């Protein structure tokens, strides 16, 4: 799948901006199954609660729920790893960039 097509698919699937729920003080972000699997494998210290919240969204991907601080920490770890990926780890690097892109709206980066 081309990078542009993947980006278009991501925008279509997760077109809704992250929602802030006043009662739960939680943010949501959508990621793919491959991105979720990578996050579970990397096991960042900040990701346990966020990954536990993963909910399947009708074959479109997974929705993560967490606080803004959890998302900021997760995005920081993912961006750091993406920036330091080896030259032969392009797939991993792209998945990490996709994770950061999915978290950006929750962090006010758009």
PDB file of N, CA and C in Angstrom:
ATOM      1  N   UNK A   1       0.851  -1.171   0.000  1.00  0.00           N
ATOM      2  CA  UNK A   1       0.000   0.000   0.000  1.00  0.00           C
ATOM      3  C   UNK A   1       0.900   1.238   0.000  1.00  0.00           C
ATOM      4  N   UNK A   2       0.578   2.187  -0.860  1.00  0.00           N
ATOM      5  CA  UNK A   2       1.399   3.384  -0.927  1.00  0.00           C
ATOM      6  C   UNK A   2       1.192   4.228   0.328  1.00  0.00           C
ATOM      7  N   UNK A   3       2.202   5.058   0.599  1.00  0.00           N
ATOM      8  CA  UNK A   3       2.146   5.903   1.791  1.00  0.00           C
ATOM      9  C   UNK A   3       0.956   6.855   1.702  1.00  0.00           C
ATOM     10  N   UNK A   4       0.736   7.458   0.516  1.00  0.00           N
ATOM     11  CA  UNK A   4      -0.360   8.409   0.363  1.00  0.00           C
ATOM     12  C   UNK A   4      -1.704   7.711   0.562  1.00  0.00           C
ATOM     13  N   UNK A   5      -1.850   6.518   0.007  1.00  0.00           N
ATOM     14  CA  UNK A   5      -3.108   5.796   0.172  1.00  0.00           C
ATOM     15  C   UNK A   5      -3.337   5.463   1.640  1.00  0.00           C
ATOM     16  N   UNK A   6      -2.256   5.079   2.339  1.00  0.00           N
ATOM     17  CA  UNK A   6      -2.377   4.777   3.764  1.00  0.00           C
ATOM     18  C   UNK A   6      -2.834   6.017   4.532  1.00  0.00           C
ATOM     19  N   UNK A   7      -2.250   7.161   4.219  1.00  0.00           N
ATOM     20  CA  UNK A   7      -2.633   8.406   4.907  1.00  0.00           C
ATOM     21  C   UNK A   7      -4.099   8.728   4.632  1.00  0.00           C
ATOM     22  N   UNK A   8      -4.531   8.553   3.365  1.00  0.00           N
ATOM     23  CA  UNK A   8      -5.927   8.815   3.022  1.00  0.00           C
ATOM     24  C   UNK A   8      -6.847   7.870   3.765  1.00  0.00           C
ATOM     25  N   UNK A   9      -6.472   6.585   3.844  1.00  0.00           N
ATOM     26  CA  UNK A   9      -7.275   5.614   4.577  1.00  0.00           C
ATOM     27  C   UNK A   9      -7.357   5.987   6.047  1.00  0.00           C
ATOM     28  N   UNK A  10      -6.238   6.395   6.633  1.00  0.00           N
ATOM     29  CA  UNK A  10      -6.208   6.789   8.051  1.00  0.00           C
ATOM     30  C   UNK A  10      -7.132   7.982   8.270  1.00  0.00           C
ATOM     31  N   UNK A  11      -7.072   8.949   7.394  1.00  0.00           N
ATOM     32  CA  UNK A  11      -7.932  10.128   7.560  1.00  0.00           C
ATOM     33  C   UNK A  11      -9.405   9.740   7.460  1.00  0.00           C
ATOM     34  N   UNK A  12      -9.722   8.839   6.546  1.00  0.00           N
ATOM     35  CA  UNK A  12     -11.100   8.405   6.384  1.00  0.00           C
ATOM     36  C   UNK A  12     -11.563   7.626   7.609  1.00  0.00           C
ATOM     37  N   UNK A  13     -10.737   6.692   8.060  1.00  0.00           N
ATOM     38  CA  UNK A  13     -11.128   5.828   9.169  1.00  0.00           C
ATOM     39  C   UNK A  13     -11.216   6.570  10.485  1.00  0.00           C
ATOM     40  N   UNK A  14     -10.313   7.489  10.686  1.00  0.00           N
ATOM     41  CA  UNK A  14     -10.256   8.192  11.962  1.00  0.00           C
ATOM     42  C   UNK A  14     -10.459   9.690  11.756  1.00  0.00           C
ATOM     43  N   UNK A  15     -11.468  10.026  10.955  1.00  0.00           N
ATOM     44  CA  UNK A  15     -11.716  11.419  10.606  1.00  0.00           C
ATOM     45  C   UNK A  15     -12.202  12.233  11.796  1.00  0.00           C
ATOM     46  N   UNK A  16     -12.788  11.574  12.742  1.00  0.00           N
ATOM     47  CA  UNK A  16     -13.275  12.290  13.912  1.00  0.00           C
ATOM     48  C   UNK A  16     -12.101  12.732  14.775  1.00  0.00           C
ATOM     49  N   UNK A  17     -12.081  13.982  15.191  1.00  0.00           N
ATOM     50  CA  UNK A  17     -10.999  14.416  16.076  1.00  0.00           C
ATOM     51  C   UNK A  17     -11.122  13.729  17.431  1.00  0.00           C
ATOM     52  N   UNK A  18     -10.030  13.634  18.164  1.00  0.00           N
ATOM     53  CA  UNK A  18     -10.116  13.038  19.500  1.00  0.00           C
ATOM     54  C   UNK A  18     -11.174  13.768  20.328  1.00  0.00           C
ATOM     55  N   UNK A  19     -11.860  13.040  21.143  1.00  0.00           N
ATOM     56  CA  UNK A  19     -12.934  13.612  21.937  1.00  0.00           C
ATOM     57  C   UNK A  19     -12.496  13.719  23.397  1.00  0.00           C
ATOM     58  N   UNK A  20     -12.807  14.840  23.981  1.00  0.00           N
ATOM     59  CA  UNK A  20     -12.524  15.022  25.394  1.00  0.00           C
ATOM     60  C   UNK A  20     -13.806  14.760  26.156  1.00  0.00           C
ATOM     61  N   UNK A  21     -13.777  13.793  27.023  1.00  0.00           N
ATOM     62  CA  UNK A  21     -14.952  13.463  27.822  1.00  0.00           C
ATOM     63  C   UNK A  21     -14.796  14.096  29.190  1.00  0.00           C
ATOM     64  N   UNK A  22     -15.635  15.049  29.460  1.00  0.00           N
ATOM     65  CA  UNK A  22     -15.528  15.788  30.714  1.00  0.00           C
ATOM     66  C   UNK A  22     -15.543  14.875  31.932  1.00  0.00           C
ATOM     67  N   UNK A  23     -16.438  13.907  31.949  1.00  0.00           N
ATOM     68  CA  UNK A  23     -16.572  13.062  33.129  1.00  0.00           C
ATOM     69  C   UNK A  23     -15.338  12.202  33.363  1.00  0.00           C
ATOM     70  N   UNK A  24     -14.760  11.672  32.299  1.00  0.00           N
ATOM     71  CA  UNK A  24     -13.647  10.753  32.455  1.00  0.00           C
ATOM     72  C   UNK A  24     -12.298  11.421  32.244  1.00  0.00           C
ATOM     73  N   UNK A  25     -12.286  12.644  31.762  1.00  0.00           N
ATOM     74  CA  UNK A  25     -11.043  13.342  31.436  1.00  0.00           C
ATOM     75  C   UNK A  25     -10.160  12.482  30.547  1.00  0.00           C
ATOM     76  N   UNK A  26     -10.775  11.914  29.519  1.00  0.00           N
ATOM     77  CA  UNK A  26     -10.051  10.989  28.655  1.00  0.00           C
ATOM     78  C   UNK A  26     -10.078  11.465  27.210  1.00  0.00           C
ATOM     79  N   UNK A  27      -9.010  11.141  26.495  1.00  0.00           N
ATOM     80  CA  UNK A  27      -8.894  11.425  25.068  1.00  0.00           C
ATOM     81  C   UNK A  27      -8.898  10.106  24.333  1.00  0.00           C
ATOM     82  N   UNK A  28      -9.367  10.133  23.077  1.00  0.00           N
ATOM     83  CA  UNK A  28      -9.318   8.945  22.248  1.00  0.00           C
ATOM     84  C   UNK A  28      -8.508   9.233  20.987  1.00  0.00           C
ATOM     85  N   UNK A  29      -7.844   8.198  20.500  1.00  0.00           N
ATOM     86  CA  UNK A  29      -7.120   8.272  19.234  1.00  0.00           C
ATOM     87  C   UNK A  29      -7.220   6.910  18.569  1.00  0.00           C
ATOM     88  N   UNK A  30      -7.321   6.895  17.246  1.00  0.00           N
ATOM     89  CA  UNK A  30      -7.437   5.651  16.509  1.00  0.00           C
ATOM     90  C   UNK A  30      -6.112   5.219  15.905  1.00  0.00           C
ATOM     91  N   UNK A  31      -5.804   3.932  16.021  1.00  0.00           N
ATOM     92  CA  UNK A  31      -4.597   3.364  15.423  1.00  0.00           C
ATOM     93  C   UNK A  31      -4.940   2.025  14.772  1.00  0.00           C
ATOM     94  N   UNK A  32      -4.055   1.565  13.913  1.00  0.00           N
ATOM     95  CA  UNK A  32      -4.270   0.278  13.237  1.00  0.00           C
ATOM     96  C   UNK A  32      -3.844  -0.879  14.135  1.00  0.00           C
ATOM     97  N   UNK A  33      -4.196  -2.080  13.703  1.00  0.00           N
ATOM     98  CA  UNK A  33      -3.798  -3.275  14.439  1.00  0.00           C
ATOM     99  C   UNK A  33      -2.286  -3.439  14.484  1.00  0.00           C
ATOM    100  N   UNK A  34      -1.605  -3.131  13.369  1.00  0.00           N
ATOM    101  CA  UNK A  34      -0.142  -3.245  13.323  1.00  0.00           C
ATOM    102  C   UNK A  34       0.514  -2.248  14.273  1.00  0.00           C
ATOM    103  N   UNK A  35      -0.056  -1.043  14.363  1.00  0.00           N
ATOM    104  CA  UNK A  35       0.485  -0.033  15.270  1.00  0.00           C
ATOM    105  C   UNK A  35       0.277  -0.448  16.730  1.00  0.00           C
ATOM    106  N   UNK A  36      -0.889  -1.015  17.025  1.00  0.00           N
ATOM    107  CA  UNK A  36      -1.156  -1.499  18.386  1.00  0.00           C
ATOM    108  C   UNK A  36      -0.194  -2.629  18.747  1.00  0.00           C
ATOM    109  N   UNK A  37       0.025  -3.543  17.815  1.00  0.00           N
ATOM    110  CA  UNK A  37       0.940  -4.664  18.074  1.00  0.00           C
ATOM    111  C   UNK A  37       2.347  -4.156  18.359  1.00  0.00           C
ATOM    112  N   UNK A  38       2.797  -3.138  17.624  1.00  0.00           N
ATOM    113  CA  UNK A  38       4.133  -2.579  17.857  1.00  0.00           C
ATOM    114  C   UNK A  38       4.215  -1.918  19.230  1.00  0.00           C
ATOM    115  N   UNK A  39       3.189  -1.165  19.606  1.00  0.00           N
ATOM    116  CA  UNK A  39       3.191  -0.532  20.928  1.00  0.00           C
ATOM    117  C   UNK A  39       3.245  -1.569  22.043  1.00  0.00           C
ATOM    118  N   UNK A  40       2.520  -2.658  21.868  1.00  0.00           N
ATOM    119  CA  UNK A  40       2.552  -3.723  22.883  1.00  0.00           C
ATOM    120  C   UNK A  40       3.934  -4.351  22.956  1.00  0.00           C
ATOM    121  N   UNK A  41       4.571  -4.526  21.808  1.00  0.00           N
ATOM    122  CA  UNK A  41       5.907  -5.111  21.775  1.00  0.00           C
ATOM    123  C   UNK A  41       6.937  -4.189  22.434  1.00  0.00           C
ATOM    124  N   UNK A  42       6.818  -2.886  22.185  1.00  0.00           N
ATOM    125  CA  UNK A  42       7.792  -1.935  22.734  1.00  0.00           C
ATOM    126  C   UNK A  42       7.600  -1.723  24.232  1.00  0.00           C
ATOM    127  N   UNK A  43       6.382  -1.889  24.724  1.00  0.00           N
ATOM    128  CA  UNK A  43       6.091  -1.836  26.156  1.00  0.00           C
ATOM    129  C   UNK A  43       6.686  -0.601  26.839  1.00  0.00           C
ATOM    130  N   UNK A  44       6.310   0.577  26.342  1.00  0.00           N
ATOM    131  CA  UNK A  44       6.763   1.825  26.974  1.00  0.00           C
ATOM    132  C   UNK A  44       6.202   1.917  28.382  1.00  0.00           C
ATOM    133  N   UNK A  45       6.925   2.531  29.305  1.00  0.00           N
ATOM    134  CA  UNK A  45       6.452   2.601  30.696  1.00  0.00           C
ATOM    135  C   UNK A  45       5.129   3.353  30.849  1.00  0.00           C
ATOM    136  N   UNK A  46       4.856   4.262  29.949  1.00  0.00           N
ATOM    137  CA  UNK A  46       3.643   5.074  30.056  1.00  0.00           C
ATOM    138  C   UNK A  46       2.445   4.445  29.365  1.00  0.00           C
ATOM    139  N   UNK A  47       2.634   3.335  28.666  1.00  0.00           N
ATOM    140  CA  UNK A  47       1.597   2.854  27.768  1.00  0.00           C
ATOM    141  C   UNK A  47       0.652   1.813  28.350  1.00  0.00           C
ATOM    142  N   UNK A  48       0.912   1.304  29.524  1.00  0.00           N
ATOM    143  CA  UNK A  48       0.124   0.194  30.060  1.00  0.00           C
ATOM    144  C   UNK A  48      -1.370   0.507  30.109  1.00  0.00           C
ATOM    145  N   UNK A  49      -1.748   1.614  30.706  1.00  0.00           N
ATOM    146  CA  UNK A  49      -3.170   1.958  30.834  1.00  0.00           C
ATOM    147  C   UNK A  49      -3.787   2.272  29.478  1.00  0.00           C
ATOM    148  N   UNK A  50      -3.044   2.947  28.625  1.00  0.00           N
ATOM    149  CA  UNK A  50      -3.569   3.299  27.297  1.00  0.00           C
ATOM    150  C   UNK A  50      -3.792   2.039  26.466  1.00  0.00           C
ATOM    151  N   UNK A  51      -2.834   1.128  26.483  1.00  0.00           N
ATOM    152  CA  UNK A  51      -2.972  -0.102  25.695  1.00  0.00           C
ATOM    153  C   UNK A  51      -4.080  -0.996  26.236  1.00  0.00           C
ATOM    154  N   UNK A  52      -4.289  -0.960  27.533  1.00  0.00           N
ATOM    155  CA  UNK A  52      -5.360  -1.755  28.130  1.00  0.00           C
ATOM    156  C   UNK A  52      -6.733  -1.258  27.685  1.00  0.00           C
ATOM    157  N   UNK A  53      -6.797  -0.009  27.250  1.00  0.00           N
ATOM    158  CA  UNK A  53      -8.073   0.580  26.833  1.00  0.00           C
ATOM    159  C   UNK A  53      -8.411   0.311  25.369  1.00  0.00           C
ATOM    160  N   UNK A  54      -7.528  -0.341  24.621  1.00  0.00           N
ATOM    161  CA  UNK A  54      -7.727  -0.546  23.183  1.00  0.00           C
ATOM    162  C   UNK A  54      -9.049  -1.250  22.903  1.00  0.00           C
ATOM    163  N   UNK A  55      -9.847  -0.633  22.053  1.00  0.00           N
ATOM    164  CA  UNK A  55     -11.150  -1.163  21.680  1.00  0.00           C
ATOM    165  C   UNK A  55     -11.226  -1.273  20.166  1.00  0.00           C
ATOM    166  N   UNK A  56     -11.627  -2.435  19.653  1.00  0.00           N
ATOM    167  CA  UNK A  56     -11.766  -2.635  18.218  1.00  0.00           C
ATOM    168  C   UNK A  56     -12.936  -1.816  17.692  1.00  0.00           C
ATOM    169  N   UNK A  57     -12.689  -1.127  16.563  1.00  0.00           N
ATOM    170  CA  UNK A  57     -13.725  -0.310  15.939  1.00  0.00           C
ATOM    171  C   UNK A  57     -14.096  -0.933  14.597  1.00  0.00           C
ATOM    172  N   UNK A  58     -15.041  -1.845  14.589  1.00  0.00           N
ATOM    173  CA  UNK A  58     -15.597  -2.454  13.384  1.00  0.00           C
ATOM    174  C   UNK A  58     -14.594  -2.629  12.247  1.00  0.00           C
ATOM    175  N   UNK A  59     -13.566  -3.379  12.441  1.00  0.00           N
ATOM    176  CA  UNK A  59     -12.557  -3.690  11.426  1.00  0.00           C
ATOM    177  C   UNK A  59     -11.820  -2.466  10.880  1.00  0.00           C
ATOM    178  N   UNK A  60     -11.940  -1.336  11.505  1.00  0.00           N
ATOM    179  CA  UNK A  60     -11.261  -0.128  11.042  1.00  0.00           C
ATOM    180  C   UNK A  60      -9.949   0.096  11.781  1.00  0.00           C
ATOM    181  N   UNK A  61      -9.802  -0.468  12.922  1.00  0.00           N
ATOM    182  CA  UNK A  61      -8.622  -0.252  13.735  1.00  0.00           C
ATOM    183  C   UNK A  61      -9.001  -0.296  15.200  1.00  0.00           C
ATOM    184  N   UNK A  62      -8.194   0.323  16.012  1.00  0.00           N
ATOM    185  CA  UNK A  62      -8.423   0.321  17.450  1.00  0.00           C
ATOM    186  C   UNK A  62      -8.474   1.740  17.976  1.00  0.00           C
ATOM    187  N   UNK A  63      -9.312   1.950  18.969  1.00  0.00           N
ATOM    188  CA  UNK A  63      -9.393   3.241  19.631  1.00  0.00           C
ATOM    189  C   UNK A  63      -8.705   3.127  20.982  1.00  0.00           C
ATOM    190  N   UNK A  64      -7.774   4.032  21.228  1.00  0.00           N
ATOM    191  CA  UNK A  64      -7.086   4.097  22.518  1.00  0.00           C
ATOM    192  C   UNK A  64      -7.690   5.217  23.338  1.00  0.00           C
ATOM    193  N   UNK A  65      -7.757   5.027  24.620  1.00  0.00           N
ATOM    194  CA  UNK A  65      -8.271   6.045  25.527  1.00  0.00           C
ATOM    195  C   UNK A  65      -7.223   6.295  26.599  1.00  0.00           C
ATOM    196  N   UNK A  66      -7.007   7.555  26.891  1.00  0.00           N
ATOM    197  CA  UNK A  66      -6.049   7.910  27.934  1.00  0.00           C
ATOM    198  C   UNK A  66      -6.107   9.394  28.223  1.00  0.00           C
ATOM    199  N   UNK A  67      -5.334   9.804  29.185  1.00  0.00           N
ATOM    200  CA  UNK A  67      -5.266  11.221  29.514  1.00  0.00           C
ATOM    201  C   UNK A  67      -4.327  11.919  28.544  1.00  0.00           C
ATOM    202  N   UNK A  68      -4.411  13.212  28.525  1.00  0.00           N
ATOM    203  CA  UNK A  68      -3.516  13.985  27.659  1.00  0.00           C
ATOM    204  C   UNK A  68      -2.058  13.725  28.045  1.00  0.00           C
ATOM    205  N   UNK A  69      -1.776  13.631  29.329  1.00  0.00           N
ATOM    206  CA  UNK A  69      -0.401  13.363  29.778  1.00  0.00           C
ATOM    207  C   UNK A  69       0.090  11.998  29.294  1.00  0.00           C
ATOM    208  N   UNK A  70      -0.780  10.989  29.346  1.00  0.00           N
ATOM    209  CA  UNK A  70      -0.396   9.656  28.858  1.00  0.00           C
ATOM    210  C   UNK A  70      -0.116   9.684  27.366  1.00  0.00           C
ATOM    211  N   UNK A  71      -0.969  10.410  26.616  1.00  0.00           N
ATOM    212  CA  UNK A  71      -0.754  10.521  25.171  1.00  0.00           C
ATOM    213  C   UNK A  71       0.530  11.293  24.862  1.00  0.00           C
ATOM    214  N   UNK A  72       0.800  12.363  25.622  1.00  0.00           N
ATOM    215  CA  UNK A  72       2.039  13.132  25.406  1.00  0.00           C
ATOM    216  C   UNK A  72       3.261  12.257  25.639  1.00  0.00           C
ATOM    217  N   UNK A  73       3.241  11.492  26.703  1.00  0.00           N
ATOM    218  CA  UNK A  73       4.361  10.621  27.023  1.00  0.00           C
ATOM    219  C   UNK A  73       4.527   9.535  25.962  1.00  0.00           C
ATOM    220  N   UNK A  74       3.425   8.918  25.555  1.00  0.00           N
ATOM    221  CA  UNK A  74       3.466   7.881  24.539  1.00  0.00           C
ATOM    222  C   UNK A  74       3.981   8.443  23.208  1.00  0.00           C
ATOM    223  N   UNK A  75       3.502   9.618  22.824  1.00  0.00           N
ATOM    224  CA  UNK A  75       3.964  10.241  21.579  1.00  0.00           C
ATOM    225  C   UNK A  75       5.450  10.569  21.661  1.00  0.00           C
ATOM    226  N   UNK A  76       5.917  11.002  22.811  1.00  0.00           N
ATOM    227  CA  UNK A  76       7.341  11.311  22.980  1.00  0.00           C
ATOM    228  C   UNK A  76       8.220  10.079  22.810  1.00  0.00           C
ATOM    229  N   UNK A  77       7.829   8.981  23.440  1.00  0.00           N
ATOM    230  CA  UNK A  77       8.591   7.738  23.284  1.00  0.00           C
ATOM    231  C   UNK A  77       8.567   7.265  21.838  1.00  0.00           C
ATOM    232  N   UNK A  78       7.385   7.290  21.218  1.00  0.00           N
ATOM    233  CA  UNK A  78       7.253   6.814  19.832  1.00  0.00           C
ATOM    234  C   UNK A  78       8.062   7.691  18.873  1.00  0.00           C
ATOM    235  N   UNK A  79       8.004   8.997  19.048  1.00  0.00           N
ATOM    236  CA  UNK A  79       8.761   9.898  18.175  1.00  0.00           C
ATOM    237  C   UNK A  79      10.264   9.694  18.354  1.00  0.00           C
ATOM    238  N   UNK A  80      10.691   9.531  19.584  1.00  0.00           N
ATOM    239  CA  UNK A  80      12.109   9.296  19.838  1.00  0.00           C
ATOM    240  C   UNK A  80      12.597   8.022  19.176  1.00  0.00           C
ATOM    241  N   UNK A  81      11.829   6.958  19.301  1.00  0.00           N
ATOM    242  CA  UNK A  81      12.196   5.696  18.651  1.00  0.00           C
ATOM    243  C   UNK A  81      12.169   5.826  17.136  1.00  0.00           C
ATOM    244  N   UNK A  82      11.172   6.521  16.611  1.00  0.00           N
ATOM    245  CA  UNK A  82      11.076   6.689  15.151  1.00  0.00           C
ATOM    246  C   UNK A  82      12.286   7.453  14.613  1.00  0.00           C
ATOM    247  N   UNK A  83      12.699   8.467  15.338  1.00  0.00           N
ATOM    248  CA  UNK A  83      13.840   9.271  14.888  1.00  0.00           C
ATOM    249  C   UNK A  83      15.164   8.523  14.988  1.00  0.00           C
ATOM    250  N   UNK A  84      15.214   7.470  15.789  1.00  0.00           N
ATOM    251  CA  UNK A  84      16.463   6.735  15.978  1.00  0.00           C
ATOM    252  C   UNK A  84      16.426   5.325  15.394  1.00  0.00           C
ATOM    253  N   UNK A  85      15.455   5.058  14.514  1.00  0.00           N
ATOM    254  CA  UNK A  85      15.373   3.744  13.867  1.00  0.00           C
ATOM    255  C   UNK A  85      16.561   3.532  12.932  1.00  0.00           C
ATOM    256  N   UNK A  86      16.991   2.304  12.847  1.00  0.00           N
ATOM    257  CA  UNK A  86      18.053   1.947  11.907  1.00  0.00           C
ATOM    258  C   UNK A  86      17.544   2.090  10.483  1.00  0.00           C
ATOM    259  N   UNK A  87      18.471   2.222   9.565  1.00  0.00           N
ATOM    260  CA  UNK A  87      18.122   2.404   8.147  1.00  0.00           C
ATOM    261  C   UNK A  87      17.317   1.232   7.600  1.00  0.00           C
ATOM    262  N   UNK A  88      17.523   0.043   8.119  1.00  0.00           N
ATOM    263  CA  UNK A  88      16.807  -1.132   7.614  1.00  0.00           C
ATOM    264  C   UNK A  88      15.474  -1.378   8.332  1.00  0.00           C
ATOM    265  N   UNK A  89      15.036  -0.470   9.164  1.00  0.00           N
ATOM    266  CA  UNK A  89      13.793  -0.632   9.922  1.00  0.00           C
ATOM    267  C   UNK A  89      12.739   0.383   9.473  1.00  0.00           C
ATOM    268  N   UNK A  90      12.586   0.550   8.169  1.00  0.00           N
ATOM    269  CA  UNK A  90      11.662   1.556   7.629  1.00  0.00           C
ATOM    270  C   UNK A  90      10.203   1.267   8.007  1.00  0.00           C
ATOM    271  N   UNK A  91       9.819   0.002   8.004  1.00  0.00           N
ATOM    272  CA  UNK A  91       8.431  -0.349   8.354  1.00  0.00           C
ATOM    273  C   UNK A  91       8.128   0.042   9.800  1.00  0.00           C
ATOM    274  N   UNK A  92       9.036  -0.288  10.683  1.00  0.00           N
ATOM    275  CA  UNK A  92       8.869   0.070  12.099  1.00  0.00           C
ATOM    276  C   UNK A  92       8.827   1.585  12.257  1.00  0.00           C
ATOM    277  N   UNK A  93       9.729   2.268  11.565  1.00  0.00           N
ATOM    278  CA  UNK A  93       9.774   3.726  11.640  1.00  0.00           C
ATOM    279  C   UNK A  93       8.446   4.324  11.168  1.00  0.00           C
ATOM    280  N   UNK A  94       7.910   3.806  10.062  1.00  0.00           N
ATOM    281  CA  UNK A  94       6.651   4.333   9.543  1.00  0.00           C
ATOM    282  C   UNK A  94       5.504   4.084  10.508  1.00  0.00           C
ATOM    283  N   UNK A  95       5.461   2.908  11.127  1.00  0.00           N
ATOM    284  CA  UNK A  95       4.423   2.634  12.115  1.00  0.00           C
ATOM    285  C   UNK A  95       4.515   3.603  13.293  1.00  0.00           C
ATOM    286  N   UNK A  96       5.730   3.890  13.738  1.00  0.00           N
ATOM    287  CA  UNK A  96       5.911   4.824  14.852  1.00  0.00           C
ATOM    288  C   UNK A  96       5.471   6.236  14.464  1.00  0.00           C
ATOM    289  N   UNK A  97       5.815   6.660  13.250  1.00  0.00           N
ATOM    290  CA  UNK A  97       5.354   7.968  12.776  1.00  0.00           C
ATOM    291  C   UNK A  97       3.826   8.009  12.686  1.00  0.00           C
ATOM    292  N   UNK A  98       3.213   6.904  12.240  1.00  0.00           N
ATOM    293  CA  UNK A  98       1.753   6.836  12.161  1.00  0.00           C
ATOM    294  C   UNK A  98       1.117   6.965  13.547  1.00  0.00           C
ATOM    295  N   UNK A  99       1.745   6.352  14.541  1.00  0.00           N
ATOM    296  CA  UNK A  99       1.244   6.457  15.913  1.00  0.00           C
ATOM    297  C   UNK A  99       1.296   7.916  16.374  1.00  0.00           C
ATOM    298  N   UNK A 100       2.407   8.562  16.122  1.00  0.00           N
ATOM    299  CA  UNK A 100       2.544   9.973  16.497  1.00  0.00           C
ATOM    300  C   UNK A 100       1.491  10.822  15.792  1.00  0.00           C
ATOM    301  N   UNK A 101       1.276  10.548  14.516  1.00  0.00           N
ATOM    302  CA  UNK A 101       0.281  11.281  13.735  1.00  0.00           C
ATOM    303  C   UNK A 101      -1.122  11.083  14.310  1.00  0.00           C
ATOM    304  N   UNK A 102      -1.411   9.881  14.760  1.00  0.00           N
ATOM    305  CA  UNK A 102      -2.729   9.601  15.342  1.00  0.00           C
ATOM    306  C   UNK A 102      -2.922  10.332  16.672  1.00  0.00           C
ATOM    307  N   UNK A 103      -1.841  10.544  17.396  1.00  0.00           N
ATOM    308  CA  UNK A 103      -1.935  11.209  18.708  1.00  0.00           C
ATOM    309  C   UNK A 103      -1.891  12.719  18.620  1.00  0.00           C
ATOM    310  N   UNK A 104      -1.441  13.272  17.493  1.00  0.00           N
ATOM    311  CA  UNK A 104      -1.283  14.714  17.356  1.00  0.00           C
ATOM    312  C   UNK A 104      -2.533  15.527  17.687  1.00  0.00           C
ATOM    313  N   UNK A 105      -3.715  15.145  17.172  1.00  0.00           N
ATOM    314  CA  UNK A 105      -4.898  15.961  17.497  1.00  0.00           C
ATOM    315  C   UNK A 105      -5.168  16.061  18.993  1.00  0.00           C
ATOM    316  N   UNK A 106      -4.918  14.999  19.729  1.00  0.00           N
ATOM    317  CA  UNK A 106      -5.150  15.018  21.174  1.00  0.00           C
ATOM    318  C   UNK A 106      -4.162  15.947  21.875  1.00  0.00           C
ATOM    319  N   UNK A 107      -3.027  16.162  21.236  1.00  0.00           N
ATOM    320  CA  UNK A 107      -1.991  16.987  21.853  1.00  0.00           C
ATOM    321  C   UNK A 107      -2.044  18.430  21.385  1.00  0.00           C
ATOM    322  N   UNK A 108      -3.024  18.742  20.548  1.00  0.00           N
ATOM    323  CA  UNK A 108      -3.155  20.120  20.069  1.00  0.00           C
ATOM    324  C   UNK A 108      -2.108  20.487  19.036  1.00  0.00           C
ATOM    325  N   UNK A 109      -1.604  19.511  18.300  1.00  0.00           N
ATOM    326  CA  UNK A 109      -0.535  19.752  17.336  1.00  0.00           C
ATOM    327  C   UNK A 109      -1.069  20.079  15.953  1.00  0.00           C
ATOM    328  N   UNK A 110      -2.371  20.002  15.737  1.00  0.00           N
ATOM    329  CA  UNK A 110      -2.920  20.273  14.400  1.00  0.00           C
ATOM    330  C   UNK A 110      -3.372  21.689  14.288  1.00  0.00           C
TER     331      UNK A 110
END
